[in-house]
Amino acid sequence: MGPLLFLIPIALALGTLGLAAFLWTLWNGQCEDLDGAAERIFLDDDLPE
C-alpha cells in the first residue's frame, strides 16, 4: 500500500501535465494546418547542383 501512495500522485501529476501541454498546443494554433504537413512531402525543394 505504501508505494501506491507515492505512485498515484505522480501519475496524476504527469497526466495533468500532458493534458496541459495538449491544451497549450491547441490554444497556440499548432493543430490548425494538418493538411500542410501532409502535402509538404510532395514539394520539390531540392536545388540542382
N, C-alpha and C. Protein backbone atom coordinates (compact mmCIF):
# COMPACT_ATOMS: atom_id res chain seq x y z
N MET A 1 0.82 -1.20 0.00
CA MET A 1 0.00 0.00 0.00
C MET A 1 0.86 1.26 0.00
N GLY A 2 2.04 1.17 0.57
CA GLY A 2 2.93 2.32 0.65
C GLY A 2 3.35 2.88 -0.69
N PRO A 3 3.79 1.99 -1.63
CA PRO A 3 4.20 2.53 -2.94
C PRO A 3 3.06 3.20 -3.70
N LEU A 4 1.82 2.74 -3.50
CA LEU A 4 0.70 3.35 -4.20
C LEU A 4 0.49 4.79 -3.77
N LEU A 5 0.74 5.07 -2.51
CA LEU A 5 0.59 6.44 -2.02
C LEU A 5 1.63 7.36 -2.64
N PHE A 6 2.69 6.77 -3.14
CA PHE A 6 3.74 7.53 -3.80
C PHE A 6 3.50 7.64 -5.31
N LEU A 7 3.02 6.54 -5.92
CA LEU A 7 2.89 6.50 -7.38
C LEU A 7 1.62 7.15 -7.91
N ILE A 8 0.53 7.09 -7.18
CA ILE A 8 -0.72 7.67 -7.66
C ILE A 8 -0.62 9.19 -7.84
N PRO A 9 -0.08 9.94 -6.89
CA PRO A 9 0.06 11.39 -7.14
C PRO A 9 1.01 11.71 -8.30
N ILE A 10 2.04 10.90 -8.47
CA ILE A 10 2.96 11.13 -9.60
C ILE A 10 2.24 10.88 -10.92
N ALA A 11 1.43 9.81 -10.99
CA ALA A 11 0.69 9.52 -12.21
C ALA A 11 -0.33 10.62 -12.51
N LEU A 12 -1.00 11.11 -11.49
CA LEU A 12 -1.97 12.18 -11.69
C LEU A 12 -1.28 13.47 -12.14
N ALA A 13 -0.13 13.76 -11.58
CA ALA A 13 0.61 14.96 -11.96
C ALA A 13 1.09 14.87 -13.41
N LEU A 14 1.59 13.70 -13.82
CA LEU A 14 2.05 13.55 -15.20
C LEU A 14 0.87 13.61 -16.18
N GLY A 15 -0.26 13.04 -15.81
CA GLY A 15 -1.44 13.13 -16.66
C GLY A 15 -1.92 14.56 -16.81
N THR A 16 -1.91 15.31 -15.72
CA THR A 16 -2.31 16.71 -15.77
C THR A 16 -1.33 17.52 -16.60
N LEU A 17 -0.06 17.23 -16.47
CA LEU A 17 0.96 17.92 -17.27
C LEU A 17 0.78 17.62 -18.76
N GLY A 18 0.49 16.38 -19.11
CA GLY A 18 0.25 16.02 -20.50
C GLY A 18 -0.99 16.70 -21.06
N LEU A 19 -2.05 16.75 -20.27
CA LEU A 19 -3.27 17.43 -20.71
C LEU A 19 -3.03 18.92 -20.89
N ALA A 20 -2.28 19.53 -19.97
CA ALA A 20 -1.98 20.95 -20.08
C ALA A 20 -1.14 21.24 -21.32
N ALA A 21 -0.19 20.35 -21.63
CA ALA A 21 0.63 20.54 -22.83
C ALA A 21 -0.22 20.41 -24.09
N PHE A 22 -1.14 19.46 -24.11
CA PHE A 22 -2.02 19.28 -25.26
C PHE A 22 -2.92 20.50 -25.45
N LEU A 23 -3.50 20.98 -24.37
CA LEU A 23 -4.36 22.16 -24.48
C LEU A 23 -3.57 23.40 -24.90
N TRP A 24 -2.33 23.51 -24.46
CA TRP A 24 -1.48 24.63 -24.86
C TRP A 24 -1.24 24.60 -26.36
N THR A 25 -1.01 23.40 -26.93
CA THR A 25 -0.80 23.32 -28.37
C THR A 25 -2.06 23.68 -29.14
N LEU A 26 -3.22 23.32 -28.60
CA LEU A 26 -4.47 23.70 -29.27
C LEU A 26 -4.67 25.20 -29.26
N TRP A 27 -4.43 25.83 -28.13
CA TRP A 27 -4.65 27.28 -27.99
C TRP A 27 -3.65 28.10 -28.78
N ASN A 28 -2.47 27.54 -29.04
CA ASN A 28 -1.44 28.28 -29.78
C ASN A 28 -1.42 27.96 -31.27
N GLY A 29 -2.41 27.23 -31.76
CA GLY A 29 -2.54 27.01 -33.19
C GLY A 29 -1.63 25.95 -33.77
N GLN A 30 -1.12 25.04 -32.99
CA GLN A 30 -0.23 24.00 -33.50
C GLN A 30 -0.98 22.97 -34.35
N CYS A 31 -2.27 22.83 -34.15
CA CYS A 31 -3.05 21.79 -34.84
C CYS A 31 -3.94 22.36 -35.93
N GLU A 32 -3.68 23.55 -36.39
CA GLU A 32 -4.57 24.17 -37.38
C GLU A 32 -4.30 23.71 -38.81
N ASP A 33 -3.06 23.52 -39.19
CA ASP A 33 -2.73 23.18 -40.58
C ASP A 33 -2.31 21.72 -40.67
N LEU A 34 -3.28 20.82 -40.59
CA LEU A 34 -2.96 19.40 -40.65
C LEU A 34 -2.65 18.94 -42.06
N ASP A 35 -3.25 19.57 -43.06
CA ASP A 35 -3.01 19.17 -44.45
C ASP A 35 -1.69 19.70 -44.97
N GLY A 36 -1.20 20.78 -44.41
CA GLY A 36 0.05 21.36 -44.90
C GLY A 36 1.23 20.42 -44.72
N ALA A 37 1.31 19.75 -43.60
CA ALA A 37 2.41 18.81 -43.37
C ALA A 37 2.31 17.60 -44.29
N ALA A 38 1.08 17.17 -44.58
CA ALA A 38 0.90 16.02 -45.46
C ALA A 38 1.25 16.37 -46.91
N GLU A 39 0.98 17.60 -47.33
CA GLU A 39 1.25 17.99 -48.71
C GLU A 39 2.69 18.46 -48.90
N ARG A 40 3.37 18.79 -47.84
CA ARG A 40 4.74 19.30 -47.94
C ARG A 40 5.71 18.25 -48.49
N ILE A 41 5.34 16.97 -48.35
CA ILE A 41 6.22 15.92 -48.86
C ILE A 41 6.28 15.92 -50.38
N PHE A 42 5.25 16.46 -51.03
CA PHE A 42 5.20 16.48 -52.48
C PHE A 42 5.93 17.66 -53.09
N LEU A 43 6.32 18.64 -52.31
CA LEU A 43 7.03 19.81 -52.82
C LEU A 43 8.47 19.44 -53.11
N ASP A 44 8.97 19.92 -54.22
CA ASP A 44 10.34 19.63 -54.63
C ASP A 44 11.21 20.84 -54.26
N ASP A 45 11.80 20.80 -53.10
CA ASP A 45 12.64 21.91 -52.64
C ASP A 45 14.12 21.68 -52.92
N ASP A 46 14.46 20.55 -53.51
CA ASP A 46 15.87 20.27 -53.78
C ASP A 46 16.36 21.14 -54.92
N LEU A 47 17.46 21.81 -54.71
CA LEU A 47 18.06 22.64 -55.75
C LEU A 47 19.09 21.82 -56.53
N PRO A 48 19.04 21.86 -57.85
CA PRO A 48 20.05 21.12 -58.63
C PRO A 48 21.42 21.77 -58.48
N GLU A 49 22.40 20.93 -58.40
CA GLU A 49 23.78 21.45 -58.24
C GLU A 49 24.54 21.40 -59.53
